[in-house]
N, C-alpha and C. Protein backbone atom coordinates (compact mmCIF):
# COMPACT_ATOMS: atom_id res chain seq x y z
N MET A 1 -31.43 133.06 29.69
CA MET A 1 -31.92 132.40 27.97
C MET A 1 -31.31 133.13 27.12
N SER A 2 -30.58 134.06 26.84
CA SER A 2 -29.29 134.54 25.74
C SER A 2 -28.98 133.43 25.71
N LEU A 3 -27.94 133.17 27.38
CA LEU A 3 -26.25 131.92 26.98
C LEU A 3 -27.30 130.43 26.31
N VAL A 4 -28.19 129.90 26.44
CA VAL A 4 -29.12 129.11 25.59
C VAL A 4 -28.99 129.02 24.30
N LEU A 5 -29.29 130.43 23.60
CA LEU A 5 -29.47 130.74 22.38
C LEU A 5 -27.80 130.81 21.63
N ARG A 6 -26.97 131.38 22.51
CA ARG A 6 -25.69 131.73 22.30
C ARG A 6 -24.74 130.13 22.20
N VAL A 7 -25.41 129.26 23.01
CA VAL A 7 -24.88 127.70 22.61
C VAL A 7 -25.22 127.00 21.45
N VAL A 8 -26.79 127.15 21.19
CA VAL A 8 -27.12 126.94 20.16
C VAL A 8 -26.51 127.13 18.94
N LEU A 9 -26.54 128.41 19.25
CA LEU A 9 -26.03 129.51 17.54
C LEU A 9 -24.30 128.68 17.17
N VAL A 10 -23.76 128.59 18.52
CA VAL A 10 -22.33 128.29 18.36
C VAL A 10 -21.90 126.59 18.25
N ARG A 11 -22.97 125.73 18.55
CA ARG A 11 -23.16 124.39 18.14
C ARG A 11 -23.83 124.11 16.30
N TYR A 12 -24.69 125.33 16.20
CA TYR A 12 -24.89 124.67 14.85
C TYR A 12 -23.81 125.22 13.57
N SER A 13 -23.36 126.26 14.14
CA SER A 13 -21.99 126.89 13.23
C SER A 13 -20.94 125.58 13.24
N LYS A 14 -20.74 125.16 14.54
CA LYS A 14 -19.67 124.00 14.41
C LYS A 14 -20.14 122.82 13.67
N SER A 15 -21.48 122.60 13.52
CA SER A 15 -21.61 121.54 12.97
C SER A 15 -21.78 121.92 11.31
N GLN A 16 -22.54 123.35 11.06
CA GLN A 16 -22.19 123.62 9.73
C GLN A 16 -21.07 123.74 9.12
N ARG A 17 -19.85 123.80 9.74
CA ARG A 17 -18.43 124.02 9.36
C ARG A 17 -17.97 122.43 9.16
N THR A 18 -18.24 121.91 10.06
CA THR A 18 -17.95 120.34 10.09
C THR A 18 -18.56 119.56 8.59
N LEU A 19 -19.67 119.99 8.29
CA LEU A 19 -20.24 119.57 7.03
C LEU A 19 -19.98 120.10 6.05
N LEU A 20 -19.45 121.05 5.79
CA LEU A 20 -18.58 121.87 4.47
C LEU A 20 -17.24 121.36 4.50
N PHE A 21 -16.88 121.01 5.29
CA PHE A 21 -15.27 120.31 5.35
C PHE A 21 -15.64 118.96 4.95
N LYS A 22 -16.46 118.32 5.24
CA LYS A 22 -16.60 116.91 4.79
C LYS A 22 -17.00 116.97 3.14
N ARG A 23 -17.87 117.96 2.88
CA ARG A 23 -18.10 117.98 1.54
C ARG A 23 -17.16 117.96 0.70
N ALA A 24 -16.08 119.30 1.10
CA ALA A 24 -15.00 119.48 0.57
C ALA A 24 -14.02 118.84 0.26
N ALA A 25 -13.82 117.76 0.71
CA ALA A 25 -13.28 116.41 0.87
C ALA A 25 -13.62 115.64 -0.45
N LEU A 26 -14.42 115.76 -0.62
CA LEU A 26 -15.28 114.80 -2.13
C LEU A 26 -15.37 115.86 -3.28
N PRO A 27 -14.47 115.70 -4.45
CA PRO A 27 -14.04 116.29 -5.54
C PRO A 27 -15.32 116.69 -6.20
N ASP A 28 -16.58 115.80 -6.73
CA ASP A 28 -17.58 116.38 -7.46
C ASP A 28 -18.46 116.80 -6.47
N ASP A 29 -18.90 116.57 -5.42
CA ASP A 29 -19.61 117.50 -4.18
C ASP A 29 -19.59 118.65 -4.10
N SER A 30 -17.91 118.78 -3.99
CA SER A 30 -17.22 120.13 -4.35
C SER A 30 -17.38 121.08 -5.21
N LYS A 31 -17.46 120.64 -6.30
CA LYS A 31 -17.63 121.15 -7.56
C LYS A 31 -18.85 121.88 -7.78
N VAL A 32 -19.97 121.05 -7.33
CA VAL A 32 -21.60 121.35 -7.45
C VAL A 32 -21.76 122.36 -6.53
N ASP A 33 -20.88 122.37 -5.28
CA ASP A 33 -21.18 123.37 -3.99
C ASP A 33 -20.47 124.48 -4.36
N CYS A 34 -19.59 124.34 -4.92
CA CYS A 34 -19.00 125.88 -5.51
C CYS A 34 -19.88 126.42 -6.62
N LYS A 35 -20.48 125.66 -7.53
CA LYS A 35 -21.41 126.29 -8.64
C LYS A 35 -22.51 126.78 -7.59
N LEU A 36 -23.29 126.02 -6.91
CA LEU A 36 -24.21 126.55 -6.63
C LEU A 36 -24.20 127.76 -5.49
N PHE A 37 -22.61 127.93 -4.93
CA PHE A 37 -22.31 129.03 -3.81
C PHE A 37 -22.02 130.02 -4.83
N ASP A 38 -21.26 130.02 -5.98
CA ASP A 38 -21.29 131.15 -7.13
C ASP A 38 -22.63 131.82 -7.48
N GLU A 39 -23.66 130.73 -7.78
CA GLU A 39 -25.11 131.12 -8.01
C GLU A 39 -25.62 131.78 -7.22
N HIS A 40 -25.80 131.42 -6.05
CA HIS A 40 -26.67 132.33 -4.46
C HIS A 40 -25.82 132.88 -3.77
N HIS A 41 -24.83 133.34 -4.52
CA HIS A 41 -23.55 134.26 -3.27
C HIS A 41 -24.64 135.14 -2.66
N GLU A 42 -25.02 136.29 -3.46
CA GLU A 42 -25.52 137.55 -2.70
C GLU A 42 -26.57 137.23 -2.31
N ASP A 43 -27.64 136.32 -2.47
CA ASP A 43 -28.79 135.55 -1.49
C ASP A 43 -28.02 134.99 -0.18
N TYR A 44 -27.20 134.69 -0.09
CA TYR A 44 -26.63 133.84 1.03
C TYR A 44 -26.23 134.88 1.85
N LYS A 45 -25.65 135.96 1.51
CA LYS A 45 -25.08 137.29 2.18
C LYS A 45 -26.11 138.01 2.95
N ASN A 46 -27.35 138.19 1.83
CA ASN A 46 -28.30 138.68 2.59
C ASN A 46 -29.35 137.83 3.63
N MET A 47 -29.35 136.42 3.49
CA MET A 47 -29.56 135.79 4.63
C MET A 47 -29.10 135.93 5.71
N LEU A 48 -27.79 135.94 5.43
CA LEU A 48 -26.70 135.50 6.90
C LEU A 48 -26.58 137.14 7.35
N GLY A 49 -26.94 138.23 6.85
CA GLY A 49 -27.26 139.42 7.31
C GLY A 49 -28.86 139.78 8.23
N GLU A 50 -29.91 139.12 7.56
CA GLU A 50 -30.87 138.81 8.29
C GLU A 50 -31.12 138.16 9.31
N ALA A 51 -30.28 136.85 9.58
CA ALA A 51 -29.96 136.00 10.72
C ALA A 51 -29.24 136.69 11.63
N ARG A 52 -28.39 137.56 11.48
CA ARG A 52 -28.06 138.32 12.69
C ARG A 52 -28.69 139.26 13.09
N ASN A 53 -29.37 139.98 11.90
CA ASN A 53 -30.24 140.87 12.76
C ASN A 53 -31.40 140.26 13.55
N ALA A 54 -32.14 139.37 13.45
CA ALA A 54 -33.01 138.63 13.93
C ALA A 54 -32.14 138.11 15.07
N LEU A 55 -31.05 137.79 15.35
CA LEU A 55 -30.15 137.12 16.46
C LEU A 55 -30.06 138.53 17.75
N VAL A 56 -29.85 139.61 17.22
CA VAL A 56 -29.52 140.86 17.91
C VAL A 56 -31.07 141.49 18.46
N ILE A 57 -31.95 140.98 17.46
CA ILE A 57 -33.15 141.57 17.77
C ILE A 57 -33.65 140.71 18.90
N MET A 58 -33.55 138.90 18.86
CA MET A 58 -33.85 138.03 19.79
C MET A 58 -33.38 138.45 20.74
N ILE A 59 -31.94 138.41 21.07
CA ILE A 59 -31.57 138.86 22.66
C ILE A 59 -31.72 139.91 23.34
N ASP A 60 -31.89 141.30 22.43
CA ASP A 60 -32.83 142.56 23.22
C ASP A 60 -34.26 142.01 23.67
N TYR A 61 -34.73 141.30 22.79
CA TYR A 61 -36.04 140.91 23.33
C TYR A 61 -36.00 140.38 24.79
N VAL A 62 -35.21 139.09 24.57
CA VAL A 62 -34.95 138.28 25.72
C VAL A 62 -34.63 139.00 27.12
N VAL A 63 -34.05 140.02 26.93
CA VAL A 63 -33.28 141.05 28.07
C VAL A 63 -34.71 141.78 28.34
N ARG A 64 -35.29 142.50 27.53
CA ARG A 64 -36.85 143.15 27.83
C ARG A 64 -37.53 142.14 28.53
N LEU A 65 -37.63 141.08 28.34
CA LEU A 65 -38.99 139.96 29.16
C LEU A 65 -38.35 139.92 30.33
N GLU A 66 -37.06 139.89 30.51
CA GLU A 66 -36.23 139.30 32.01
C GLU A 66 -36.60 140.35 32.87
N ALA A 67 -36.48 141.86 32.38
CA ALA A 67 -36.32 142.68 33.11
C ALA A 67 -38.20 143.20 33.28
N ASN A 68 -38.83 143.05 32.79
CA ASN A 68 -40.35 143.32 32.87
C ASN A 68 -40.69 141.85 33.88
N ARG A 69 -40.04 140.78 33.68
CA ARG A 69 -40.63 139.91 34.76
C ARG A 69 -40.46 140.49 35.98
N GLU A 70 -38.89 140.60 36.10
CA GLU A 70 -38.68 141.50 37.74
C GLU A 70 -39.16 142.49 38.22
N VAL A 71 -39.98 143.26 37.57
CA VAL A 71 -40.84 144.43 37.71
C VAL A 71 -41.82 144.18 38.29
N ILE A 72 -42.56 143.13 37.11
CA ILE A 72 -43.87 142.62 37.56
C ILE A 72 -43.88 141.57 39.03
N ALA A 73 -42.63 141.16 39.09
CA ALA A 73 -42.24 140.00 40.32
C ALA A 73 -42.70 141.08 41.41
N GLY A 74 -41.82 142.11 41.14
CA GLY A 74 -41.83 143.43 42.39
C GLY A 74 -42.88 143.87 42.64
N LYS A 75 -44.01 144.29 41.74
CA LYS A 75 -45.26 144.74 41.93
C LYS A 75 -46.34 143.76 42.64
N LEU A 76 -45.96 142.39 42.21
CA LEU A 76 -46.64 141.19 42.78
C LEU A 76 -46.42 140.93 44.07
N VAL A 77 -44.98 141.11 44.71
CA VAL A 77 -44.48 141.27 46.29
C VAL A 77 -45.15 142.45 47.12
N GLY A 78 -45.23 143.81 46.31
CA GLY A 78 -46.15 144.83 47.04
C GLY A 78 -47.35 144.79 46.78
N PHE A 79 -48.14 143.99 45.69
CA PHE A 79 -49.29 144.03 46.31
C PHE A 79 -50.03 142.53 47.14
N LYS A 80 -49.05 141.51 47.11
CA LYS A 80 -49.13 140.67 48.20
C LYS A 80 -48.97 141.01 49.44
N GLY A 81 -48.42 142.78 49.82
CA GLY A 81 -47.65 143.08 51.14
C GLY A 81 -48.95 143.87 51.50
N SER A 82 -49.60 144.46 50.31
CA SER A 82 -50.59 145.36 50.71
C SER A 82 -52.17 144.43 50.81
N ASN A 83 -51.90 143.63 50.57
CA ASN A 83 -53.50 142.70 50.52
C ASN A 83 -53.61 142.00 51.85
N LYS A 84 -52.59 142.31 53.07
CA LYS A 84 -52.60 141.38 54.38
C LYS A 84 -53.63 142.14 55.02
N ARG A 85 -54.60 141.32 55.98
CA ARG A 85 -55.52 142.17 56.99
C ARG A 85 -55.00 142.57 57.43
N ILE A 86 -55.57 143.41 58.28
CA ILE A 86 -55.37 144.02 59.39
C ILE A 86 -56.00 143.63 60.93
N PRO A 87 -55.11 143.75 61.63
CA PRO A 87 -56.03 142.62 62.85
C PRO A 87 -56.99 143.65 63.58
């Protein structure tokens, strides 16, 4: 599951990078983008930090879910084994 999240994140970052390069090629749009970036620079830093924290938490959450699934599967096998009829 964490591999899927990593692939999605890589694709998203590549597409965002491509869009930034395309917009940088247009002079009017790049001026507007630079002004907006300067105005919201600190907000962008905070949002990036929050996104990184959420990604770390999500990866840990997925790892814990997978571990819990394995534990529950082991308990289920034990339960099924103890639930057999004795002839």
